[in-house]
Amino acid sequence: MKNSLPINSITNEDCLTFIPRLPDNSIDIIITDPPYAISKGKKLSMKNVGKLSGFGGDWDIINEEWDLFSFEDYCILIEKVLTESYRVLKPTGTVFVCGTYHNIGIINYFALQANFNIINEIIWYKRNAFPNLTQKCLTASHENILWISKSNSWNYNYKSIKKAKYPFDNLKKENKQLRSVWDIPNNKEKDELAYREVFSDSSYWVKSQKPLRLIDRCLEITAKPGDIVADWFVGSGTTLISALNHSLPFIGCEANPKFVEVIKWRLNQRR
């Protein structure tokens, strides 16, 4: 028998044991940012880079133990997460899965295998992307978000989103349809990084932290009052903070106990 939903809480647990306990057809919106599997287990240094003017924000290189996977293990993780996400999602619900060119193909494949519909592949254009230092390839200036649904009955707040004007987005104009390319700088507001002063040990810092306005937009295009929002890789807590700001109930799990401390602190600051 499946457990009831732990509403407005964060659970310190691996998602592969957490999600299976949730009831069928119980979640309205899932916004999640799984590991990208791009860490190589090597010590990386930027000491010789020098100062890069004009590049604000968090530019730490992701090289973390939680992001280390073999190709086979990573496929198993994504397959299980998407299969379970399909089960717990309501027929009218949708899922946003963040990724990059390293892993978005894997996510797309297992989303289709789980019987999801692909609504859009959103391109998050980062105009202030970190420059390429190797001089061997193009400067990576975007990430991907796969927007998927369980049926053809998903909600889209078309009128309000068309009317909306985002001052920071040079591609979205007022009273114009929202495109699948979003121009959202990666810089975080001061309060989004305030936890780093409280948790000065950098092992508590989430190097892949998404800007709040990116997650806000995901909710704004599809959320209805009372929708339950879930995140299986909560990290720094941005999805839960966004849900709280939109007065939406939420649930989440995070395997890293240090990150859970950060999340609880951030939530308490907003309540």
C-alpha atoms as a PDB file:
ATOM      1  CA  MET A   1       0.000   0.000   0.000  1.00  0.00           C
ATOM      2  CA  LYS A   2       1.359   3.395  -0.985  1.00  0.00           C
ATOM      3  CA  ASN A   3       1.901   6.072   1.638  1.00  0.00           C
ATOM      4  CA  SER A   4       0.089   9.380   1.691  1.00  0.00           C
ATOM      5  CA  LEU A   5       1.907  12.454   0.417  1.00  0.00           C
ATOM      6  CA  PRO A   6       4.307  14.210   2.825  1.00  0.00           C
ATOM      7  CA  ILE A   7       3.010  17.651   1.885  1.00  0.00           C
ATOM      8  CA  ASN A   8       5.238  20.720   2.378  1.00  0.00           C
ATOM      9  CA  SER A   9       8.218  18.691   3.494  1.00  0.00           C
ATOM     10  CA  ILE A  10      11.678  17.656   2.391  1.00  0.00           C
ATOM     11  CA  THR A  11      12.784  14.061   2.960  1.00  0.00           C
ATOM     12  CA  ASN A  12      16.430  13.069   3.279  1.00  0.00           C
ATOM     13  CA  GLU A  13      16.291  10.000   1.054  1.00  0.00           C
ATOM     14  CA  ASP A  14      17.315   8.681  -2.348  1.00  0.00           C
ATOM     15  CA  CYS A  15      14.532   9.238  -4.865  1.00  0.00           C
ATOM     16  CA  LEU A  16      14.668   5.585  -5.981  1.00  0.00           C
ATOM     17  CA  THR A  17      13.296   4.524  -2.597  1.00  0.00           C
ATOM     18  CA  PHE A  18      11.203   7.646  -1.972  1.00  0.00           C
ATOM     19  CA  ILE A  19       9.080   7.842  -5.137  1.00  0.00           C
ATOM     20  CA  PRO A  20       7.893   4.182  -5.101  1.00  0.00           C
ATOM     21  CA  ARG A  21       6.115   4.817  -1.787  1.00  0.00           C
ATOM     22  CA  LEU A  22       3.979   7.626  -3.220  1.00  0.00           C
ATOM     23  CA  PRO A  23       0.383   6.999  -4.395  1.00  0.00           C
ATOM     24  CA  ASP A  24      -0.506   6.602  -8.065  1.00  0.00           C
ATOM     25  CA  ASN A  25      -1.825   9.702  -9.868  1.00  0.00           C
ATOM     26  CA  SER A  26      -1.076  12.034  -6.961  1.00  0.00           C
ATOM     27  CA  ILE A  27       1.269  14.761  -8.302  1.00  0.00           C
ATOM     28  CA  ASP A  28       0.329  17.667 -10.579  1.00  0.00           C
ATOM     29  CA  ILE A  29       3.727  19.086 -11.510  1.00  0.00           C
ATOM     30  CA  ILE A  30       7.211  17.598 -11.305  1.00  0.00           C
ATOM     31  CA  ILE A  31      10.183  19.914 -11.804  1.00  0.00           C
ATOM     32  CA  THR A  32      13.465  18.124 -11.342  1.00  0.00           C
ATOM     33  CA  ASP A  33      17.130  18.530 -12.120  1.00  0.00           C
ATOM     34  CA  PRO A  34      18.826  15.107 -12.075  1.00  0.00           C
ATOM     35  CA  PRO A  35      22.610  14.710 -12.103  1.00  0.00           C
ATOM     36  CA  TYR A  36      24.055  15.361 -15.541  1.00  0.00           C
ATOM     37  CA  ALA A  37      26.738  12.655 -15.219  1.00  0.00           C
ATOM     38  CA  ILE A  38      29.443  15.028 -16.455  1.00  0.00           C
ATOM     39  CA  SER A  39      31.862  14.707 -13.526  1.00  0.00           C
ATOM     40  CA  LYS A  40      35.032  12.787 -14.279  1.00  0.00           C
ATOM     41  CA  GLY A  41      36.386  12.241 -10.778  1.00  0.00           C
ATOM     42  CA  LYS A  42      39.464  14.365 -11.474  1.00  0.00           C
ATOM     43  CA  LYS A  43      40.682  17.413  -9.619  1.00  0.00           C
ATOM     44  CA  LEU A  44      39.955  20.466 -11.732  1.00  0.00           C
ATOM     45  CA  SER A  45      41.556  23.812 -11.117  1.00  0.00           C
ATOM     46  CA  MET A  46      40.827  27.296 -12.432  1.00  0.00           C
ATOM     47  CA  LYS A  47      43.773  28.975 -10.698  1.00  0.00           C
ATOM     48  CA  ASN A  48      45.392  29.871 -14.018  1.00  0.00           C
ATOM     49  CA  VAL A  49      42.285  31.375 -15.566  1.00  0.00           C
ATOM     50  CA  GLY A  50      42.668  34.758 -13.937  1.00  0.00           C
ATOM     51  CA  LYS A  51      39.916  37.284 -13.506  1.00  0.00           C
ATOM     52  CA  LEU A  52      37.146  37.142 -16.085  1.00  0.00           C
ATOM     53  CA  SER A  53      35.403  40.497 -16.151  1.00  0.00           C
ATOM     54  CA  GLY A  54      31.729  40.623 -17.001  1.00  0.00           C
ATOM     55  CA  PHE A  55      30.926  37.098 -15.875  1.00  0.00           C
ATOM     56  CA  GLY A  56      28.925  37.275 -12.697  1.00  0.00           C
ATOM     57  CA  GLY A  57      27.172  34.416 -10.968  1.00  0.00           C
ATOM     58  CA  ASP A  58      28.294  30.982  -9.919  1.00  0.00           C
ATOM     59  CA  TRP A  59      30.809  29.472 -12.311  1.00  0.00           C
ATOM     60  CA  ASP A  60      32.065  26.530 -10.290  1.00  0.00           C
ATOM     61  CA  ILE A  61      32.894  23.462 -12.358  1.00  0.00           C
ATOM     62  CA  ILE A  62      30.685  20.493 -11.486  1.00  0.00           C
ATOM     63  CA  ASN A  63      32.943  17.683 -10.395  1.00  0.00           C
ATOM     64  CA  GLU A  64      31.066  16.051  -7.545  1.00  0.00           C
ATOM     65  CA  GLU A  65      30.757  12.531  -6.208  1.00  0.00           C
ATOM     66  CA  TRP A  66      26.954  12.664  -6.545  1.00  0.00           C
ATOM     67  CA  ASP A  67      27.400  13.300 -10.273  1.00  0.00           C
ATOM     68  CA  LEU A  68      29.729  10.344 -10.953  1.00  0.00           C
ATOM     69  CA  PHE A  69      28.024   7.581 -12.964  1.00  0.00           C
ATOM     70  CA  SER A  70      28.908   4.904 -15.447  1.00  0.00           C
ATOM     71  CA  PHE A  71      26.814   5.136 -18.601  1.00  0.00           C
ATOM     72  CA  GLU A  72      24.888   1.993 -17.641  1.00  0.00           C
ATOM     73  CA  ASP A  73      24.143   3.168 -14.094  1.00  0.00           C
ATOM     74  CA  TYR A  74      23.037   6.566 -15.329  1.00  0.00           C
ATOM     75  CA  CYS A  75      20.589   4.997 -17.785  1.00  0.00           C
ATOM     76  CA  ILE A  76      19.170   2.852 -14.968  1.00  0.00           C
ATOM     77  CA  LEU A  77      18.686   5.953 -12.788  1.00  0.00           C
ATOM     78  CA  ILE A  78      16.878   7.980 -15.466  1.00  0.00           C
ATOM     79  CA  GLU A  79      14.732   5.032 -16.547  1.00  0.00           C
ATOM     80  CA  LYS A  80      13.550   4.346 -12.985  1.00  0.00           C
ATOM     81  CA  VAL A  81      12.948   8.009 -12.183  1.00  0.00           C
ATOM     82  CA  LEU A  82      10.870   8.610 -15.312  1.00  0.00           C
ATOM     83  CA  THR A  83       8.930   5.358 -15.001  1.00  0.00           C
ATOM     84  CA  GLU A  84       8.002   6.171 -11.398  1.00  0.00           C
ATOM     85  CA  SER A  85       7.277   9.798 -12.310  1.00  0.00           C
ATOM     86  CA  TYR A  86       4.775   8.589 -14.895  1.00  0.00           C
ATOM     87  CA  ARG A  87       3.042   6.441 -12.297  1.00  0.00           C
ATOM     88  CA  VAL A  88       2.667   9.160  -9.641  1.00  0.00           C
ATOM     89  CA  LEU A  89       1.741  11.932 -12.102  1.00  0.00           C
ATOM     90  CA  LYS A  90      -1.921  12.841 -12.481  1.00  0.00           C
ATOM     91  CA  PRO A  91      -3.374  12.386 -15.998  1.00  0.00           C
ATOM     92  CA  THR A  92      -3.539  16.181 -16.311  1.00  0.00           C
ATOM     93  CA  GLY A  93      -0.040  16.716 -14.928  1.00  0.00           C
ATOM     94  CA  THR A  94       3.260  17.658 -16.540  1.00  0.00           C
ATOM     95  CA  VAL A  95       6.962  17.188 -15.867  1.00  0.00           C
ATOM     96  CA  PHE A  96       9.938  19.477 -16.479  1.00  0.00           C
ATOM     97  CA  VAL A  97      13.300  17.684 -16.563  1.00  0.00           C
ATOM     98  CA  CYS A  98      16.453  19.794 -16.736  1.00  0.00           C
ATOM     99  CA  GLY A  99      19.441  18.590 -18.703  1.00  0.00           C
ATOM    100  CA  THR A 100      22.258  19.486 -21.020  1.00  0.00           C
ATOM    101  CA  TYR A 101      23.684  18.111 -24.254  1.00  0.00           C
ATOM    102  CA  HIS A 102      25.502  15.448 -22.253  1.00  0.00           C
ATOM    103  CA  ASN A 103      22.319  13.758 -21.035  1.00  0.00           C
ATOM    104  CA  ILE A 104      19.198  15.211 -22.681  1.00  0.00           C
ATOM    105  CA  GLY A 105      19.149  12.459 -25.318  1.00  0.00           C
ATOM    106  CA  ILE A 106      19.038   9.833 -22.571  1.00  0.00           C
ATOM    107  CA  ILE A 107      16.205  11.687 -20.825  1.00  0.00           C
ATOM    108  CA  ASN A 108      14.275  12.013 -24.095  1.00  0.00           C
ATOM    109  CA  TYR A 109      14.646   8.299 -24.867  1.00  0.00           C
ATOM    110  CA  PHE A 110      13.481   7.062 -21.480  1.00  0.00           C
ATOM    111  CA  ALA A 111      10.659   9.620 -21.372  1.00  0.00           C
ATOM    112  CA  LEU A 112       9.281   8.140 -24.588  1.00  0.00           C
ATOM    113  CA  GLN A 113       9.856   4.611 -23.300  1.00  0.00           C
ATOM    114  CA  ALA A 114       7.829   5.491 -20.175  1.00  0.00           C
ATOM    115  CA  ASN A 115       4.981   6.577 -22.500  1.00  0.00           C
ATOM    116  CA  PHE A 116       5.287  10.322 -21.897  1.00  0.00           C
ATOM    117  CA  ASN A 117       4.269  12.840 -24.550  1.00  0.00           C
ATOM    118  CA  ILE A 118       6.917  15.410 -25.488  1.00  0.00           C
ATOM    119  CA  ILE A 119       5.281  18.846 -25.282  1.00  0.00           C
ATOM    120  CA  ASN A 120       8.396  20.954 -25.885  1.00  0.00           C
ATOM    121  CA  GLU A 121      12.135  20.888 -25.584  1.00  0.00           C
ATOM    122  CA  ILE A 122      12.883  24.247 -23.990  1.00  0.00           C
ATOM    123  CA  ILE A 123      16.241  25.845 -24.645  1.00  0.00           C
ATOM    124  CA  TRP A 124      17.479  27.897 -21.712  1.00  0.00           C
ATOM    125  CA  TYR A 125      19.778  30.419 -23.397  1.00  0.00           C
ATOM    126  CA  LYS A 126      22.405  31.782 -21.028  1.00  0.00           C
ATOM    127  CA  ARG A 127      23.725  34.981 -22.544  1.00  0.00           C
ATOM    128  CA  ASN A 128      26.272  35.272 -19.715  1.00  0.00           C
ATOM    129  CA  ALA A 129      27.530  31.709 -20.134  1.00  0.00           C
ATOM    130  CA  PHE A 130      31.016  30.876 -18.938  1.00  0.00           C
ATOM    131  CA  PRO A 131      33.547  31.169 -21.789  1.00  0.00           C
ATOM    132  CA  ASN A 132      35.177  28.113 -23.293  1.00  0.00           C
ATOM    133  CA  LEU A 133      38.690  27.772 -21.911  1.00  0.00           C
ATOM    134  CA  THR A 134      39.957  24.853 -23.997  1.00  0.00           C
ATOM    135  CA  GLN A 135      39.680  26.694 -27.324  1.00  0.00           C
ATOM    136  CA  LYS A 136      38.746  23.341 -28.872  1.00  0.00           C
ATOM    137  CA  CYS A 137      34.948  23.658 -29.130  1.00  0.00           C
ATOM    138  CA  LEU A 138      32.064  26.102 -29.155  1.00  0.00           C
ATOM    139  CA  THR A 139      31.139  27.993 -26.001  1.00  0.00           C
ATOM    140  CA  ALA A 140      28.263  26.116 -24.358  1.00  0.00           C
ATOM    141  CA  SER A 141      25.558  28.762 -23.981  1.00  0.00           C
ATOM    142  CA  HIS A 142      22.397  26.832 -23.237  1.00  0.00           C
ATOM    143  CA  GLU A 143      20.817  24.047 -21.247  1.00  0.00           C
ATOM    144  CA  ASN A 144      17.732  21.989 -22.044  1.00  0.00           C
ATOM    145  CA  ILE A 145      14.433  21.449 -20.263  1.00  0.00           C
ATOM    146  CA  LEU A 146      12.183  18.665 -21.500  1.00  0.00           C
ATOM    147  CA  TRP A 147       8.501  19.462 -20.879  1.00  0.00           C
ATOM    148  CA  ILE A 148       6.487  16.240 -20.972  1.00  0.00           C
ATOM    149  CA  SER A 149       2.961  15.075 -20.142  1.00  0.00           C
ATOM    150  CA  LYS A 150       1.069  11.903 -19.279  1.00  0.00           C
ATOM    151  CA  SER A 151      -1.885  12.679 -21.557  1.00  0.00           C
ATOM    152  CA  ASN A 152      -3.143  15.297 -23.977  1.00  0.00           C
ATOM    153  CA  SER A 153      -5.017  17.118 -21.174  1.00  0.00           C
ATOM    154  CA  TRP A 154      -2.213  19.154 -19.630  1.00  0.00           C
ATOM    155  CA  ASN A 155      -2.811  22.723 -18.479  1.00  0.00           C
ATOM    156  CA  TYR A 156      -1.160  25.645 -20.224  1.00  0.00           C
ATOM    157  CA  ASN A 157      -1.798  29.173 -18.940  1.00  0.00           C
ATOM    158  CA  TYR A 158      -1.683  30.526 -22.467  1.00  0.00           C
ATOM    159  CA  LYS A 159      -3.376  33.901 -21.977  1.00  0.00           C
ATOM    160  CA  SER A 160      -1.423  35.007 -18.912  1.00  0.00           C
ATOM    161  CA  ILE A 161       1.896  33.872 -20.354  1.00  0.00           C
ATOM    162  CA  LYS A 162       1.257  35.585 -23.674  1.00  0.00           C
ATOM    163  CA  LYS A 163       0.432  38.798 -21.853  1.00  0.00           C
ATOM    164  CA  ALA A 164       3.439  38.562 -19.520  1.00  0.00           C
ATOM    165  CA  LYS A 165       6.531  40.687 -19.946  1.00  0.00           C
ATOM    166  CA  TYR A 166       9.822  39.596 -18.420  1.00  0.00           C
ATOM    167  CA  PRO A 167      12.262  42.555 -18.269  1.00  0.00           C
ATOM    168  CA  PHE A 168      15.287  40.239 -18.117  1.00  0.00           C
ATOM    169  CA  ASP A 169      14.244  38.198 -21.183  1.00  0.00           C
ATOM    170  CA  ASN A 170      15.170  39.870 -24.473  1.00  0.00           C
ATOM    171  CA  LEU A 171      13.211  37.267 -26.474  1.00  0.00           C
ATOM    172  CA  LYS A 172       9.821  37.547 -24.734  1.00  0.00           C
ATOM    173  CA  LYS A 173       7.760  40.603 -25.603  1.00  0.00           C
ATOM    174  CA  GLU A 174       4.529  41.633 -23.947  1.00  0.00           C
ATOM    175  CA  ASN A 175       1.416  40.223 -25.665  1.00  0.00           C
ATOM    176  CA  LYS A 176       3.527  37.869 -27.755  1.00  0.00           C
ATOM    177  CA  GLN A 177       3.538  34.077 -27.532  1.00  0.00           C
ATOM    178  CA  LEU A 178       6.206  32.541 -25.361  1.00  0.00           C
ATOM    179  CA  ARG A 179       8.797  30.743 -27.469  1.00  0.00           C
ATOM    180  CA  SER A 180      10.657  27.565 -26.580  1.00  0.00           C
ATOM    181  CA  VAL A 181      13.906  29.535 -26.237  1.00  0.00           C
ATOM    182  CA  TRP A 182      14.154  31.353 -22.898  1.00  0.00           C
ATOM    183  CA  ASP A 183      16.688  34.129 -22.408  1.00  0.00           C
ATOM    184  CA  ILE A 184      17.260  33.899 -18.638  1.00  0.00           C
ATOM    185  CA  PRO A 185      20.612  34.944 -17.143  1.00  0.00           C
ATOM    186  CA  ASN A 186      22.203  32.404 -14.816  1.00  0.00           C
ATOM    187  CA  ASN A 187      22.909  35.043 -12.163  1.00  0.00           C
ATOM    188  CA  LYS A 188      21.136  34.464  -8.845  1.00  0.00           C
ATOM    189  CA  GLU A 189      19.648  37.178  -6.680  1.00  0.00           C
ATOM    190  CA  LYS A 190      21.412  37.883  -3.391  1.00  0.00           C
ATOM    191  CA  ASP A 191      18.828  36.050  -1.289  1.00  0.00           C
ATOM    192  CA  GLU A 192      19.190  32.910  -3.447  1.00  0.00           C
ATOM    193  CA  LEU A 193      22.807  32.572  -2.335  1.00  0.00           C
ATOM    194  CA  ALA A 194      22.374  33.865   1.221  1.00  0.00           C
ATOM    195  CA  TYR A 195      22.708  30.343   2.604  1.00  0.00           C
ATOM    196  CA  ARG A 196      26.386  30.354   1.637  1.00  0.00           C
ATOM    197  CA  GLU A 197      27.096  32.879   4.363  1.00  0.00           C
ATOM    198  CA  VAL A 198      25.351  30.676   6.920  1.00  0.00           C
ATOM    199  CA  PHE A 199      26.865  27.432   5.596  1.00  0.00           C
ATOM    200  CA  SER A 200      30.366  28.714   4.901  1.00  0.00           C
ATOM    201  CA  ASP A 201      31.675  25.170   4.300  1.00  0.00           C
ATOM    202  CA  SER A 202      31.554  24.923   0.491  1.00  0.00           C
ATOM    203  CA  SER A 203      30.522  21.249   0.681  1.00  0.00           C
ATOM    204  CA  TYR A 204      27.026  22.588   1.445  1.00  0.00           C
ATOM    205  CA  TRP A 205      26.967  24.663  -1.733  1.00  0.00           C
ATOM    206  CA  VAL A 206      25.039  23.360  -4.735  1.00  0.00           C
ATOM    207  CA  LYS A 207      27.168  24.118  -7.769  1.00  0.00           C
ATOM    208  CA  SER A 208      24.371  23.284 -10.216  1.00  0.00           C
ATOM    209  CA  GLN A 209      21.856  25.613  -8.532  1.00  0.00           C
ATOM    210  CA  LYS A 210      19.266  26.933 -10.978  1.00  0.00           C
ATOM    211  CA  PRO A 211      18.131  30.583 -10.859  1.00  0.00           C
ATOM    212  CA  LEU A 212      14.741  31.013  -9.206  1.00  0.00           C
ATOM    213  CA  ARG A 213      13.257  32.877 -12.175  1.00  0.00           C
ATOM    214  CA  LEU A 214      13.850  29.821 -14.400  1.00  0.00           C
ATOM    215  CA  ILE A 215      11.799  27.556 -12.134  1.00  0.00           C
ATOM    216  CA  ASP A 216       9.231  30.324 -11.583  1.00  0.00           C
ATOM    217  CA  ARG A 217       8.520  30.353 -15.296  1.00  0.00           C
ATOM    218  CA  CYS A 218       7.953  26.600 -15.398  1.00  0.00           C
ATOM    219  CA  LEU A 219       5.264  26.991 -12.750  1.00  0.00           C
ATOM    220  CA  GLU A 220       3.772  30.090 -14.310  1.00  0.00           C
ATOM    221  CA  ILE A 221       3.118  28.394 -17.631  1.00  0.00           C
ATOM    222  CA  THR A 222       1.255  25.376 -16.223  1.00  0.00           C
ATOM    223  CA  ALA A 223       0.360  25.625 -12.503  1.00  0.00           C
ATOM    224  CA  LYS A 224      -3.205  25.951 -11.229  1.00  0.00           C
ATOM    225  CA  PRO A 225      -4.196  26.904  -7.658  1.00  0.00           C
ATOM    226  CA  GLY A 226      -3.680  23.948  -5.347  1.00  0.00           C
ATOM    227  CA  ASP A 227      -1.425  21.978  -7.693  1.00  0.00           C
ATOM    228  CA  ILE A 228       1.045  19.737  -5.883  1.00  0.00           C
ATOM    229  CA  VAL A 229       4.653  20.311  -6.982  1.00  0.00           C
ATOM    230  CA  ALA A 230       7.347  17.646  -6.574  1.00  0.00           C
ATOM    231  CA  ASP A 231      11.107  17.522  -7.037  1.00  0.00           C
ATOM    232  CA  TRP A 232      13.180  14.316  -6.786  1.00  0.00           C
ATOM    233  CA  PHE A 233      16.629  15.997  -6.727  1.00  0.00           C
ATOM    234  CA  VAL A 234      15.941  19.077  -4.631  1.00  0.00           C
ATOM    235  CA  GLY A 235      19.563  20.259  -4.332  1.00  0.00           C
ATOM    236  CA  SER A 236      19.514  23.815  -2.985  1.00  0.00           C
ATOM    237  CA  GLY A 237      15.706  23.854  -2.800  1.00  0.00           C
ATOM    238  CA  THR A 238      14.873  26.201  -5.669  1.00  0.00           C
ATOM    239  CA  THR A 239      11.815  24.229  -6.848  1.00  0.00           C
ATOM    240  CA  LEU A 240      10.365  24.159  -3.336  1.00  0.00           C
ATOM    241  CA  ILE A 241      11.062  27.870  -2.814  1.00  0.00           C
ATOM    242  CA  SER A 242       9.303  28.647  -6.097  1.00  0.00           C
ATOM    243  CA  ALA A 243       6.298  26.527  -5.106  1.00  0.00           C
ATOM    244  CA  LEU A 244       6.144  28.274  -1.737  1.00  0.00           C
ATOM    245  CA  ASN A 245       6.294  31.686  -3.417  1.00  0.00           C
ATOM    246  CA  HIS A 246       3.364  30.662  -5.634  1.00  0.00           C
ATOM    247  CA  SER A 247       1.351  29.335  -2.644  1.00  0.00           C
ATOM    248  CA  LEU A 248       1.492  25.784  -3.997  1.00  0.00           C
ATOM    249  CA  PRO A 249       1.874  22.635  -1.862  1.00  0.00           C
ATOM    250  CA  PHE A 250       5.091  20.727  -2.470  1.00  0.00           C
ATOM    251  CA  ILE A 251       7.019  17.573  -1.672  1.00  0.00           C
ATOM    252  CA  GLY A 252      10.654  16.756  -2.279  1.00  0.00           C
ATOM    253  CA  CYS A 253      13.491  14.390  -1.526  1.00  0.00           C
ATOM    254  CA  GLU A 254      17.240  14.891  -1.448  1.00  0.00           C
ATOM    255  CA  ALA A 255      19.858  12.221  -0.730  1.00  0.00           C
ATOM    256  CA  ASN A 256      22.590  14.594   0.454  1.00  0.00           C
ATOM    257  CA  PRO A 257      22.039  15.439   4.165  1.00  0.00           C
ATOM    258  CA  LYS A 258      24.055  18.653   3.856  1.00  0.00           C
ATOM    259  CA  PHE A 259      21.809  19.886   1.081  1.00  0.00           C
ATOM    260  CA  VAL A 260      18.760  19.029   3.201  1.00  0.00           C
ATOM    261  CA  GLU A 261      20.079  21.328   5.933  1.00  0.00           C
ATOM    262  CA  VAL A 262      20.373  24.116   3.365  1.00  0.00           C
ATOM    263  CA  ILE A 263      16.887  23.462   2.008  1.00  0.00           C
ATOM    264  CA  LYS A 264      15.270  23.536   5.442  1.00  0.00           C
ATOM    265  CA  TRP A 265      17.076  26.776   6.268  1.00  0.00           C
ATOM    266  CA  ARG A 266      15.961  28.413   3.013  1.00  0.00           C
ATOM    267  CA  LEU A 267      12.354  27.302   3.483  1.00  0.00           C
ATOM    268  CA  ASN A 268      12.302  28.646   7.039  1.00  0.00           C
ATOM    269  CA  GLN A 269      13.518  32.008   5.748  1.00  0.00           C
ATOM    270  CA  ARG A 270      10.546  32.191   3.384  1.00  0.00           C
ATOM    271  CA  ARG A 271       7.808  30.972   5.732  1.00  0.00           C
END
